Amino acid sequence: MKAIEIYYGKAFRSILKAVNPFKKTVIKTEAKVHQFINIHALNLLKEYRYDNEFKLYSEQIEEINKGAVWADQDFKSINHFYNPQKKKGLYGHGNALKLTQKYYKIAVQSFRENHIEESMFYLGACVHIIQDLTIPQHVNIRLLDNHRQYENFVKISYDKVKTFRTKDKPITFDEIGEYVRFNTKVALRIHKQFKKIKDDQIRFYKITRCSLPLSQRTTAGCLIMFLKEVEQVDVKV
């Protein structure tokens, strides 16, 4: 990262700190969306008979959700951006690929050391980012491209529209970075498909109809992959 980019990042973070009290209220609402996704990811595990996975994650859903909330606190979300073509995040900051890999590594190591709650906490932070990357603005890296308007639309509609839920099978990969690359590439295609729709509400609906089910399926897949990787299903909690 170049010196000017690092300087820009520090300056931007100092501005964000000034509006921190407002951001905390926003986080509480956004966290409900991530918790909604996590619950429906668990439903997919149950639907497709991932019984051991469903049992463990159901018991640990509180810790998973705590990690999902923490992932946005203190403006950590400025690192939840990644463009798969440029392989970069928001200018002057880290990127979602590296951060997801970091959280996932901690989750795996903690689980193997039998620190289950800590593991689930970081796994929750990890899937939070994977979920963010289904949103085109997190991939186009354009903060002013109707980002707040779109998030407001999702916050008032996520649990009211039937088509925002899915019963399609989990999407599974063998490596955490694949979830980042897959979701970001799909998000770019979603953006390209609907960007010419002028009516914001119609465009937001069509985007969400794709992105929310995708986030549920890839979250479920990540949970499956995680337990397979640590090779320990019957663990004492």
C-alpha atoms as a PDB file:
ATOM      1  CA  MET A   1       0.000   0.000   0.000  1.00  0.00           C
ATOM      2  CA  LYS A   2       1.439   3.397  -1.027  1.00  0.00           C
ATOM      3  CA  ALA A   3       2.249   6.100   1.550  1.00  0.00           C
ATOM      4  CA  ILE A   4      -0.411   8.479   0.206  1.00  0.00           C
ATOM      5  CA  GLU A   5      -2.992   5.690   0.390  1.00  0.00           C
ATOM      6  CA  ILE A   6      -2.057   4.950   4.016  1.00  0.00           C
ATOM      7  CA  TYR A   7      -2.312   8.677   4.862  1.00  0.00           C
ATOM      8  CA  TYR A   8      -5.721   8.875   3.181  1.00  0.00           C
ATOM      9  CA  GLY A   9      -6.910   5.852   5.156  1.00  0.00           C
ATOM     10  CA  LYS A  10      -5.849   7.377   8.482  1.00  0.00           C
ATOM     11  CA  ALA A  11      -7.520  10.697   7.647  1.00  0.00           C
ATOM     12  CA  PHE A  12     -10.729   8.954   6.641  1.00  0.00           C
ATOM     13  CA  ARG A  13     -10.807   6.931   9.863  1.00  0.00           C
ATOM     14  CA  SER A  14     -10.392  10.085  11.965  1.00  0.00           C
ATOM     15  CA  ILE A  15     -13.453  11.584  10.252  1.00  0.00           C
ATOM     16  CA  LEU A  16     -15.433   8.423  10.945  1.00  0.00           C
ATOM     17  CA  LYS A  17     -14.574   8.563  14.652  1.00  0.00           C
ATOM     18  CA  ALA A  18     -16.253  11.958  14.852  1.00  0.00           C
ATOM     19  CA  VAL A  19     -19.600  10.425  13.875  1.00  0.00           C
ATOM     20  CA  ASN A  20     -19.183   7.253  15.926  1.00  0.00           C
ATOM     21  CA  PRO A  21     -22.276   7.758  18.187  1.00  0.00           C
ATOM     22  CA  PHE A  22     -24.532   7.922  15.110  1.00  0.00           C
ATOM     23  CA  LYS A  23     -22.908   4.859  13.583  1.00  0.00           C
ATOM     24  CA  LYS A  24     -23.592   2.794  16.714  1.00  0.00           C
ATOM     25  CA  THR A  25     -27.340   3.277  16.284  1.00  0.00           C
ATOM     26  CA  VAL A  26     -27.105   2.212  12.655  1.00  0.00           C
ATOM     27  CA  ILE A  27     -25.146  -0.931  13.603  1.00  0.00           C
ATOM     28  CA  LYS A  28     -27.926  -2.160  15.904  1.00  0.00           C
ATOM     29  CA  THR A  29     -30.367  -2.194  12.983  1.00  0.00           C
ATOM     30  CA  GLU A  30     -27.943  -3.671  10.471  1.00  0.00           C
ATOM     31  CA  ALA A  31     -27.062  -6.447  12.927  1.00  0.00           C
ATOM     32  CA  LYS A  32     -30.640  -7.705  12.736  1.00  0.00           C
ATOM     33  CA  VAL A  33     -30.205  -8.354   9.014  1.00  0.00           C
ATOM     34  CA  HIS A  34     -27.061 -10.414   9.604  1.00  0.00           C
ATOM     35  CA  GLN A  35     -28.787 -12.345  12.385  1.00  0.00           C
ATOM     36  CA  PHE A  36     -31.691 -13.017  10.015  1.00  0.00           C
ATOM     37  CA  ILE A  37     -29.242 -14.425   7.455  1.00  0.00           C
ATOM     38  CA  ASN A  38     -27.550 -16.603  10.077  1.00  0.00           C
ATOM     39  CA  ILE A  39     -30.855 -18.068  11.263  1.00  0.00           C
ATOM     40  CA  HIS A  40     -31.934 -18.886   7.723  1.00  0.00           C
ATOM     41  CA  ALA A  41     -28.529 -20.409   7.007  1.00  0.00           C
ATOM     42  CA  LEU A  42     -29.178 -22.737   9.951  1.00  0.00           C
ATOM     43  CA  ASN A  43     -32.569 -23.567   8.450  1.00  0.00           C
ATOM     44  CA  LEU A  44     -30.783 -24.688   5.284  1.00  0.00           C
ATOM     45  CA  LEU A  45     -28.490 -26.935   7.324  1.00  0.00           C
ATOM     46  CA  LYS A  46     -31.560 -28.533   8.862  1.00  0.00           C
ATOM     47  CA  GLU A  47     -33.394 -28.765   5.535  1.00  0.00           C
ATOM     48  CA  TYR A  48     -30.501 -30.572   3.843  1.00  0.00           C
ATOM     49  CA  ARG A  49     -29.832 -32.896   6.793  1.00  0.00           C
ATOM     50  CA  TYR A  50     -26.546 -31.478   8.009  1.00  0.00           C
ATOM     51  CA  ASP A  51     -27.673 -32.662  11.426  1.00  0.00           C
ATOM     52  CA  ASN A  52     -24.388 -32.425  13.343  1.00  0.00           C
ATOM     53  CA  GLU A  53     -23.677 -28.985  11.934  1.00  0.00           C
ATOM     54  CA  PHE A  54     -27.187 -27.794  12.713  1.00  0.00           C
ATOM     55  CA  LYS A  55     -26.937 -29.027  16.309  1.00  0.00           C
ATOM     56  CA  LEU A  56     -23.607 -27.346  17.047  1.00  0.00           C
ATOM     57  CA  TYR A  57     -24.374 -24.023  15.366  1.00  0.00           C
ATOM     58  CA  SER A  58     -27.853 -23.839  16.886  1.00  0.00           C
ATOM     59  CA  GLU A  59     -26.278 -24.190  20.324  1.00  0.00           C
ATOM     60  CA  GLN A  60     -23.701 -21.526  19.456  1.00  0.00           C
ATOM     61  CA  ILE A  61     -25.890 -19.100  17.490  1.00  0.00           C
ATOM     62  CA  GLU A  62     -25.634 -16.464  20.236  1.00  0.00           C
ATOM     63  CA  GLU A  63     -21.830 -16.376  19.942  1.00  0.00           C
ATOM     64  CA  ILE A  64     -22.025 -16.396  16.144  1.00  0.00           C
ATOM     65  CA  ASN A  65     -24.364 -13.413  16.246  1.00  0.00           C
ATOM     66  CA  LYS A  66     -22.134 -11.606  18.759  1.00  0.00           C
ATOM     67  CA  GLY A  67     -19.273 -11.913  16.286  1.00  0.00           C
ATOM     68  CA  ALA A  68     -21.516 -10.699  13.483  1.00  0.00           C
ATOM     69  CA  VAL A  69     -22.391  -7.570  15.486  1.00  0.00           C
ATOM     70  CA  TRP A  70     -18.775  -6.954  16.544  1.00  0.00           C
ATOM     71  CA  ALA A  71     -17.615  -7.116  12.918  1.00  0.00           C
ATOM     72  CA  ASP A  72     -19.223  -3.714  12.245  1.00  0.00           C
ATOM     73  CA  GLN A  73     -18.245  -1.939  15.466  1.00  0.00           C
ATOM     74  CA  ASP A  74     -15.666   0.872  15.560  1.00  0.00           C
ATOM     75  CA  PHE A  75     -15.883   1.190  11.778  1.00  0.00           C
ATOM     76  CA  LYS A  76     -14.316  -2.179  11.065  1.00  0.00           C
ATOM     77  CA  SER A  77     -16.740  -2.289   8.131  1.00  0.00           C
ATOM     78  CA  ILE A  78     -14.447   0.021   6.135  1.00  0.00           C
ATOM     79  CA  ASN A  79     -12.451  -3.137   5.448  1.00  0.00           C
ATOM     80  CA  HIS A  80     -15.511  -5.064   4.196  1.00  0.00           C
ATOM     81  CA  PHE A  81     -14.913  -4.146   0.559  1.00  0.00           C
ATOM     82  CA  TYR A  82     -13.303  -6.176  -2.201  1.00  0.00           C
ATOM     83  CA  ASN A  83     -13.250  -5.896  -5.973  1.00  0.00           C
ATOM     84  CA  PRO A  84     -12.302  -9.281  -7.504  1.00  0.00           C
ATOM     85  CA  GLN A  85     -10.987  -7.648 -10.677  1.00  0.00           C
ATOM     86  CA  LYS A  86      -8.746  -5.071  -8.996  1.00  0.00           C
ATOM     87  CA  LYS A  87      -8.129  -7.362  -5.999  1.00  0.00           C
ATOM     88  CA  LYS A  88      -8.383  -4.353  -3.706  1.00  0.00           C
ATOM     89  CA  GLY A  89     -10.669  -2.925  -1.064  1.00  0.00           C
ATOM     90  CA  LEU A  90     -11.597   0.642  -0.179  1.00  0.00           C
ATOM     91  CA  TYR A  91      -8.807   3.088  -1.015  1.00  0.00           C
ATOM     92  CA  GLY A  92      -6.431   3.524   1.919  1.00  0.00           C
ATOM     93  CA  HIS A  93      -7.709   0.506   3.829  1.00  0.00           C
ATOM     94  CA  GLY A  94      -7.428  -3.263   4.063  1.00  0.00           C
ATOM     95  CA  ASN A  95      -9.688  -5.548   2.074  1.00  0.00           C
ATOM     96  CA  ALA A  96     -12.393  -8.092   2.797  1.00  0.00           C
ATOM     97  CA  LEU A  97     -10.452 -11.068   1.453  1.00  0.00           C
ATOM     98  CA  LYS A  98      -7.552 -10.643   3.881  1.00  0.00           C
ATOM     99  CA  LEU A  99      -9.819  -9.843   6.821  1.00  0.00           C
ATOM    100  CA  THR A 100     -12.059 -12.847   6.177  1.00  0.00           C
ATOM    101  CA  GLN A 101      -9.024 -15.118   5.984  1.00  0.00           C
ATOM    102  CA  LYS A 102      -7.723 -13.643   9.254  1.00  0.00           C
ATOM    103  CA  TYR A 103     -10.987 -14.201  11.155  1.00  0.00           C
ATOM    104  CA  TYR A 104     -11.410 -17.683   9.702  1.00  0.00           C
ATOM    105  CA  LYS A 105      -7.896 -18.702  10.734  1.00  0.00           C
ATOM    106  CA  ILE A 106      -8.561 -17.555  14.310  1.00  0.00           C
ATOM    107  CA  ALA A 107     -11.868 -19.458  14.321  1.00  0.00           C
ATOM    108  CA  VAL A 108     -10.216 -22.696  13.162  1.00  0.00           C
ATOM    109  CA  GLN A 109      -7.329 -22.425  15.618  1.00  0.00           C
ATOM    110  CA  SER A 110      -9.622 -21.581  18.540  1.00  0.00           C
ATOM    111  CA  PHE A 111     -11.903 -24.512  17.759  1.00  0.00           C
ATOM    112  CA  ARG A 112      -9.019 -26.971  17.644  1.00  0.00           C
ATOM    113  CA  GLU A 113      -7.863 -25.673  21.026  1.00  0.00           C
ATOM    114  CA  ASN A 114     -11.401 -26.280  22.310  1.00  0.00           C
ATOM    115  CA  HIS A 115     -12.112 -22.562  22.777  1.00  0.00           C
ATOM    116  CA  ILE A 116     -15.496 -23.043  21.179  1.00  0.00           C
ATOM    117  CA  GLU A 117     -17.160 -19.751  22.078  1.00  0.00           C
ATOM    118  CA  GLU A 118     -14.198 -17.727  20.808  1.00  0.00           C
ATOM    119  CA  SER A 119     -14.176 -19.815  17.652  1.00  0.00           C
ATOM    120  CA  MET A 120     -17.872 -19.221  16.990  1.00  0.00           C
ATOM    121  CA  PHE A 121     -17.444 -15.501  17.666  1.00  0.00           C
ATOM    122  CA  TYR A 122     -14.811 -15.137  14.946  1.00  0.00           C
ATOM    123  CA  LEU A 123     -16.718 -17.425  12.613  1.00  0.00           C
ATOM    124  CA  GLY A 124     -19.668 -15.053  13.042  1.00  0.00           C
ATOM    125  CA  ALA A 125     -17.445 -12.108  12.105  1.00  0.00           C
ATOM    126  CA  CYS A 126     -16.183 -14.067   9.118  1.00  0.00           C
ATOM    127  CA  VAL A 127     -19.626 -14.891   7.703  1.00  0.00           C
ATOM    128  CA  HIS A 128     -20.712 -11.280   8.300  1.00  0.00           C
ATOM    129  CA  ILE A 129     -18.157 -10.161   5.716  1.00  0.00           C
ATOM    130  CA  ILE A 130     -19.129 -12.926   3.298  1.00  0.00           C
ATOM    131  CA  GLN A 131     -22.705 -11.653   3.586  1.00  0.00           C
ATOM    132  CA  ASP A 132     -21.650  -8.036   2.993  1.00  0.00           C
ATOM    133  CA  LEU A 133     -19.951  -9.076  -0.235  1.00  0.00           C
ATOM    134  CA  THR A 134     -23.250 -10.026  -1.852  1.00  0.00           C
ATOM    135  CA  ILE A 135     -24.036  -6.282  -1.935  1.00  0.00           C
ATOM    136  CA  PRO A 136     -22.861  -4.586  -5.174  1.00  0.00           C
ATOM    137  CA  GLN A 137     -21.654  -1.425  -3.392  1.00  0.00           C
ATOM    138  CA  HIS A 138     -19.203  -3.491  -1.326  1.00  0.00           C
ATOM    139  CA  VAL A 139     -17.757  -4.817  -4.560  1.00  0.00           C
ATOM    140  CA  ASN A 140     -17.916  -1.726  -6.780  1.00  0.00           C
ATOM    141  CA  ILE A 141     -16.315   0.128  -3.864  1.00  0.00           C
ATOM    142  CA  ARG A 142     -18.504   3.169  -4.339  1.00  0.00           C
ATOM    143  CA  LEU A 143     -19.628   4.462  -0.967  1.00  0.00           C
ATOM    144  CA  LEU A 144     -21.873   7.133  -2.473  1.00  0.00           C
ATOM    145  CA  ASP A 145     -23.557   4.868  -5.031  1.00  0.00           C
ATOM    146  CA  ASN A 146     -26.943   4.708  -3.224  1.00  0.00           C
ATOM    147  CA  HIS A 147     -25.250   2.636  -0.511  1.00  0.00           C
ATOM    148  CA  ARG A 148     -27.144   4.079   2.442  1.00  0.00           C
ATOM    149  CA  GLN A 149     -30.446   4.168   0.548  1.00  0.00           C
ATOM    150  CA  TYR A 150     -30.044   0.530  -0.407  1.00  0.00           C
ATOM    151  CA  GLU A 151     -29.173  -0.544   3.140  1.00  0.00           C
ATOM    152  CA  ASN A 152     -32.218   1.327   4.439  1.00  0.00           C
ATOM    153  CA  PHE A 153     -34.402  -0.552   1.952  1.00  0.00           C
ATOM    154  CA  VAL A 154     -33.018  -3.892   3.150  1.00  0.00           C
ATOM    155  CA  LYS A 155     -33.471  -2.982   6.819  1.00  0.00           C
ATOM    156  CA  ILE A 156     -37.191  -2.286   6.429  1.00  0.00           C
ATOM    157  CA  SER A 157     -37.984  -5.197   4.103  1.00  0.00           C
ATOM    158  CA  TYR A 158     -35.628  -8.127   4.808  1.00  0.00           C
ATOM    159  CA  ASP A 159     -38.074 -10.089   6.976  1.00  0.00           C
ATOM    160  CA  LYS A 160     -41.272  -9.092   5.168  1.00  0.00           C
ATOM    161  CA  VAL A 161     -40.694 -10.335   1.609  1.00  0.00           C
ATOM    162  CA  LYS A 162     -41.006 -14.076   1.026  1.00  0.00           C
ATOM    163  CA  THR A 163     -38.684 -14.094  -2.003  1.00  0.00           C
ATOM    164  CA  PHE A 164     -35.834 -12.810   0.191  1.00  0.00           C
ATOM    165  CA  ARG A 165     -35.695 -16.255   1.821  1.00  0.00           C
ATOM    166  CA  THR A 166     -34.442 -19.379   0.115  1.00  0.00           C
ATOM    167  CA  LYS A 167     -34.707 -23.131   0.422  1.00  0.00           C
ATOM    168  CA  ASP A 168     -32.034 -23.796  -2.194  1.00  0.00           C
ATOM    169  CA  LYS A 169     -29.126 -25.955  -1.092  1.00  0.00           C
ATOM    170  CA  PRO A 170     -26.003 -24.486   0.562  1.00  0.00           C
ATOM    171  CA  ILE A 171     -23.178 -23.390  -1.725  1.00  0.00           C
ATOM    172  CA  THR A 172     -19.989 -25.120  -0.628  1.00  0.00           C
ATOM    173  CA  PHE A 173     -16.315 -24.555  -1.393  1.00  0.00           C
ATOM    174  CA  ASP A 174     -13.099 -25.936   0.066  1.00  0.00           C
ATOM    175  CA  GLU A 175     -11.396 -22.657   0.977  1.00  0.00           C
ATOM    176  CA  ILE A 176     -12.642 -19.472   2.648  1.00  0.00           C
ATOM    177  CA  GLY A 177     -11.274 -17.196  -0.064  1.00  0.00           C
ATOM    178  CA  GLU A 178     -13.506 -18.924  -2.599  1.00  0.00           C
ATOM    179  CA  TYR A 179     -16.578 -17.577  -0.818  1.00  0.00           C
ATOM    180  CA  VAL A 180     -15.200 -14.054  -1.091  1.00  0.00           C
ATOM    181  CA  ARG A 181     -14.365 -14.437  -4.775  1.00  0.00           C
ATOM    182  CA  PHE A 182     -17.659 -16.148  -5.617  1.00  0.00           C
ATOM    183  CA  ASN A 183     -19.916 -13.644  -3.855  1.00  0.00           C
ATOM    184  CA  THR A 184     -18.066 -10.631  -5.225  1.00  0.00           C
ATOM    185  CA  LYS A 185     -18.223 -11.931  -8.802  1.00  0.00           C
ATOM    186  CA  VAL A 186     -21.940 -12.652  -8.480  1.00  0.00           C
ATOM    187  CA  ALA A 187     -22.491  -9.203  -6.924  1.00  0.00           C
ATOM    188  CA  LEU A 188     -20.820  -7.586  -9.937  1.00  0.00           C
ATOM    189  CA  ARG A 189     -23.143  -9.504 -12.265  1.00  0.00           C
ATOM    190  CA  ILE A 190     -26.153  -8.465 -10.176  1.00  0.00           C
ATOM    191  CA  HIS A 191     -25.074  -4.825 -10.424  1.00  0.00           C
ATOM    192  CA  LYS A 192     -24.612  -5.059 -14.184  1.00  0.00           C
ATOM    193  CA  GLN A 193     -27.994  -6.722 -14.650  1.00  0.00           C
ATOM    194  CA  PHE A 194     -30.043  -4.138 -12.735  1.00  0.00           C
ATOM    195  CA  LYS A 195     -28.040  -0.893 -12.857  1.00  0.00           C
ATOM    196  CA  LYS A 196     -30.150   0.636 -15.648  1.00  0.00           C
ATOM    197  CA  ILE A 197     -33.401   0.394 -13.685  1.00  0.00           C
ATOM    198  CA  LYS A 198     -34.169   4.005 -12.762  1.00  0.00           C
ATOM    199  CA  ASP A 199     -36.740   3.384 -10.043  1.00  0.00           C
ATOM    200  CA  ASP A 200     -34.706   2.906  -6.848  1.00  0.00           C
ATOM    201  CA  GLN A 201     -37.292   0.747  -5.092  1.00  0.00           C
ATOM    202  CA  ILE A 202     -37.637  -1.673  -8.010  1.00  0.00           C
ATOM    203  CA  ARG A 203     -33.860  -1.847  -8.476  1.00  0.00           C
ATOM    204  CA  PHE A 204     -33.274  -2.407  -4.759  1.00  0.00           C
ATOM    205  CA  TYR A 205     -35.926  -5.134  -4.668  1.00  0.00           C
ATOM    206  CA  LYS A 206     -34.391  -7.021  -7.596  1.00  0.00           C
ATOM    207  CA  ILE A 207     -30.893  -6.760  -6.113  1.00  0.00           C
ATOM    208  CA  THR A 208     -32.058  -7.965  -2.701  1.00  0.00           C
ATOM    209  CA  ARG A 209     -34.017 -10.842  -4.228  1.00  0.00           C
ATOM    210  CA  CYS A 210     -30.652 -12.104  -5.490  1.00  0.00           C
ATOM    211  CA  SER A 211     -28.255 -11.023  -2.739  1.00  0.00           C
ATOM    212  CA  LEU A 212     -30.128 -12.131   0.406  1.00  0.00           C
ATOM    213  CA  PRO A 213     -30.711 -15.737  -0.763  1.00  0.00           C
ATOM    214  CA  LEU A 214     -27.096 -15.847  -1.952  1.00  0.00           C
ATOM    215  CA  SER A 215     -25.877 -14.705   1.460  1.00  0.00           C
ATOM    216  CA  GLN A 216     -27.944 -17.405   3.196  1.00  0.00           C
ATOM    217  CA  ARG A 217     -26.652 -20.170   0.904  1.00  0.00           C
ATOM    218  CA  THR A 218     -22.991 -19.153   1.128  1.00  0.00           C
ATOM    219  CA  THR A 219     -23.203 -18.664   4.895  1.00  0.00           C
ATOM    220  CA  ALA A 220     -24.606 -22.187   5.245  1.00  0.00           C
ATOM    221  CA  GLY A 221     -21.855 -23.481   2.961  1.00  0.00           C
ATOM    222  CA  CYS A 222     -19.163 -21.744   4.989  1.00  0.00           C
ATOM    223  CA  LEU A 223     -20.502 -23.298   8.197  1.00  0.00           C
ATOM    224  CA  ILE A 224     -20.391 -26.742   6.567  1.00  0.00           C
ATOM    225  CA  MET A 225     -16.850 -26.195   5.295  1.00  0.00           C
ATOM    226  CA  PHE A 226     -15.648 -24.964   8.680  1.00  0.00           C
ATOM    227  CA  LEU A 227     -16.759 -28.035  10.592  1.00  0.00           C
ATOM    228  CA  LYS A 228     -15.385 -30.298   7.883  1.00  0.00           C
ATOM    229  CA  GLU A 229     -12.022 -28.526   8.078  1.00  0.00           C
ATOM    230  CA  VAL A 230     -11.612 -28.757  11.823  1.00  0.00           C
ATOM    231  CA  GLU A 231     -12.608 -32.431  11.588  1.00  0.00           C
ATOM    232  CA  GLN A 232     -14.317 -32.386  14.933  1.00  0.00           C
ATOM    233  CA  VAL A 233     -18.073 -32.668  15.080  1.00  0.00           C
ATOM    234  CA  ASP A 234     -18.701 -34.301  18.454  1.00  0.00           C
ATOM    235  CA  VAL A 235     -17.228 -31.570  20.621  1.00  0.00           C
ATOM    236  CA  LYS A 236     -18.140 -30.708  24.195  1.00  0.00           C
ATOM    237  CA  VAL A 237     -19.657 -27.251  24.520  1.00  0.00           C
END
